[in-house]
Amino acid sequence: HIPAYRLLSEQLSQAVEKVNGRFSDGKGYRPVVFLPEHHEWEDIQYFYQMGDVCLVTSLHDGMNLVAKEYVWCQSPERGSLVLSKFTGASRELTEAFIVNPYSIEEIADAIASSLKLSPE
C-alpha cells in the first residue's frame, strides 16, 4: 500500500513485459518470470534451487539475506552468486563474483563467467 512500492512494482512489470516481448519465442518461453505476490519459505527455496545465477546488486545494504539463502539452498555442483561489493555479505561470501553494481560491464562479465563455470 506504499505509493513508492506500487510505482516500483508497475515499472518493474512494464520492464518485464518489454524484455519478454522482445525475447520470448512465441512457444511459451519467457526469459523473465515475474512473481510479485507473497511466497512462503517452502516455495522460495525451490525458486533459489532453479536459478543458475543469483544477482544481488544492491547499491547500499546490510548483510543481505537473499545472497545467503540462495547459497544455502544450492547443491554443491550448481548455482553461482553475483554479489555487489556494497553488501555486508560480500565480506563473508568471498567465492561469489563480487561486482561494482554501478558497472554494467562488470555485471555482464560476471554473469557470463558464472554461466561458463564447470560443476567442479
Protein backbone atom coordinates (compact mmCIF):
# COMPACT_ATOMS: atom_id res chain seq x y z
CA HIS A 1 0.00 0.00 0.00
CA ILE A 2 3.05 2.29 -0.08
CA PRO A 3 2.87 4.55 -3.17
CA ALA A 4 6.61 4.31 -3.93
CA TYR A 5 6.46 0.48 -3.83
CA ARG A 6 3.34 0.47 -6.01
CA LEU A 7 5.09 2.66 -8.59
CA LEU A 8 8.21 0.49 -8.48
CA SER A 9 6.09 -2.64 -8.98
CA GLU A 10 4.37 -1.06 -12.00
CA GLN A 11 7.71 -0.03 -13.51
CA LEU A 12 9.13 -3.49 -12.93
CA SER A 13 6.09 -5.12 -14.56
CA GLN A 14 6.50 -2.88 -17.59
CA ALA A 15 10.20 -3.71 -17.86
CA VAL A 16 9.45 -7.45 -17.64
CA GLU A 17 6.79 -7.13 -20.37
CA LYS A 18 9.26 -5.27 -22.58
CA VAL A 19 12.00 -7.90 -22.16
CA ASN A 20 9.58 -10.81 -22.60
CA GLY A 21 8.02 -9.13 -25.63
CA ARG A 22 11.42 -8.86 -27.26
CA PHE A 23 12.95 -12.23 -26.32
CA SER A 24 10.03 -14.68 -25.94
CA ASP A 25 9.93 -17.37 -28.60
CA GLY A 26 6.15 -17.50 -29.14
CA LYS A 27 6.06 -21.11 -27.89
CA GLY A 28 5.70 -20.38 -24.19
CA TYR A 29 9.30 -19.47 -23.34
CA ARG A 30 9.65 -16.27 -21.31
CA PRO A 31 13.14 -15.18 -20.25
CA VAL A 32 11.80 -13.36 -17.18
CA VAL A 33 9.19 -14.87 -14.89
CA PHE A 34 7.87 -12.20 -12.55
CA LEU A 35 6.02 -13.44 -9.46
CA PRO A 36 5.17 -10.31 -7.44
CA GLU A 37 2.90 -11.95 -4.86
CA HIS A 38 3.97 -13.16 -1.41
CA HIS A 39 5.61 -16.61 -1.27
CA GLU A 40 6.22 -18.84 1.73
CA TRP A 41 9.75 -20.07 2.54
CA GLU A 42 8.87 -23.60 1.40
CA ASP A 43 8.27 -22.23 -2.11
CA ILE A 44 11.12 -19.71 -2.14
CA GLN A 45 13.80 -22.32 -1.54
CA TYR A 46 12.73 -24.15 -4.70
CA PHE A 47 12.95 -20.92 -6.70
CA TYR A 48 16.52 -20.48 -5.44
CA GLN A 49 17.37 -24.04 -6.45
CA MET A 50 16.12 -23.49 -10.02
CA GLY A 51 18.36 -20.48 -10.56
CA ASP A 52 21.72 -20.98 -12.25
CA VAL A 53 22.75 -17.47 -11.18
CA CYS A 54 21.55 -15.18 -8.42
CA LEU A 55 22.21 -11.45 -8.76
CA VAL A 56 22.26 -9.34 -5.61
CA THR A 57 23.31 -5.94 -6.89
CA SER A 58 22.39 -3.67 -4.01
CA LEU A 59 23.82 -0.16 -4.07
CA HIS A 60 23.85 0.05 -0.28
CA ASP A 61 22.86 -2.76 2.02
CA GLY A 62 23.47 -4.70 5.18
CA MET A 63 24.17 -8.43 5.22
CA ASN A 64 21.56 -9.21 2.55
CA LEU A 65 19.98 -12.50 3.49
CA VAL A 66 18.89 -13.25 -0.09
CA ALA A 67 22.51 -13.98 -1.02
CA LYS A 68 22.96 -16.30 1.95
CA GLU A 69 19.63 -18.03 1.40
CA TYR A 70 20.50 -18.66 -2.27
CA VAL A 71 23.85 -20.23 -1.34
CA TRP A 72 22.29 -22.29 1.45
CA CYS A 73 19.66 -23.76 -0.94
CA GLN A 74 22.11 -24.79 -3.68
CA SER A 75 23.53 -28.21 -4.40
CA PRO A 76 27.35 -28.16 -4.26
CA GLU A 77 27.68 -28.52 -8.04
CA ARG A 78 25.36 -25.75 -9.18
CA GLY A 79 24.46 -22.14 -8.79
CA SER A 80 26.60 -19.01 -8.89
CA LEU A 81 26.21 -15.82 -6.92
CA VAL A 82 26.91 -12.38 -8.37
CA LEU A 83 27.13 -10.06 -5.39
CA SER A 84 27.51 -6.31 -5.00
CA LYS A 85 30.68 -5.25 -3.24
CA PHE A 86 28.50 -2.88 -1.20
CA THR A 87 26.67 -5.67 0.65
CA GLY A 88 27.86 -6.87 4.01
CA ALA A 89 27.51 -10.42 2.70
CA SER A 90 30.35 -9.80 0.20
CA ARG A 91 32.83 -9.88 3.09
CA GLU A 92 31.69 -13.40 4.02
CA LEU A 93 30.72 -14.91 0.66
CA THR A 94 34.12 -14.36 -0.90
CA GLU A 95 33.74 -17.10 -3.53
CA ALA A 96 30.90 -15.16 -5.14
CA PHE A 97 31.51 -12.99 -8.18
CA ILE A 98 31.93 -9.65 -6.41
CA VAL A 99 30.97 -6.69 -8.61
CA ASN A 100 30.52 -2.96 -8.59
CA PRO A 101 26.76 -2.61 -9.16
CA TYR A 102 27.33 0.69 -10.98
CA SER A 103 29.33 -1.11 -13.70
CA ILE A 104 27.10 -2.76 -16.31
CA GLU A 105 30.16 -4.29 -17.98
CA GLU A 106 31.40 -5.81 -14.72
CA ILE A 107 28.00 -7.34 -14.01
CA ALA A 108 27.70 -8.69 -17.57
CA ASP A 109 31.19 -10.22 -17.37
CA ALA A 110 30.37 -11.83 -14.01
CA ILE A 111 27.14 -13.33 -15.36
CA ALA A 112 28.93 -14.69 -18.44
CA SER A 113 31.76 -16.11 -16.34
CA SER A 114 29.36 -17.70 -13.86
CA LEU A 115 27.47 -19.46 -16.65
CA LYS A 116 30.70 -20.89 -18.05
CA LEU A 117 31.82 -22.48 -14.78
CA SER A 118 32.11 -26.25 -14.71
CA PRO A 119 30.47 -28.05 -11.78
CA GLU A 120 33.91 -28.79 -10.34
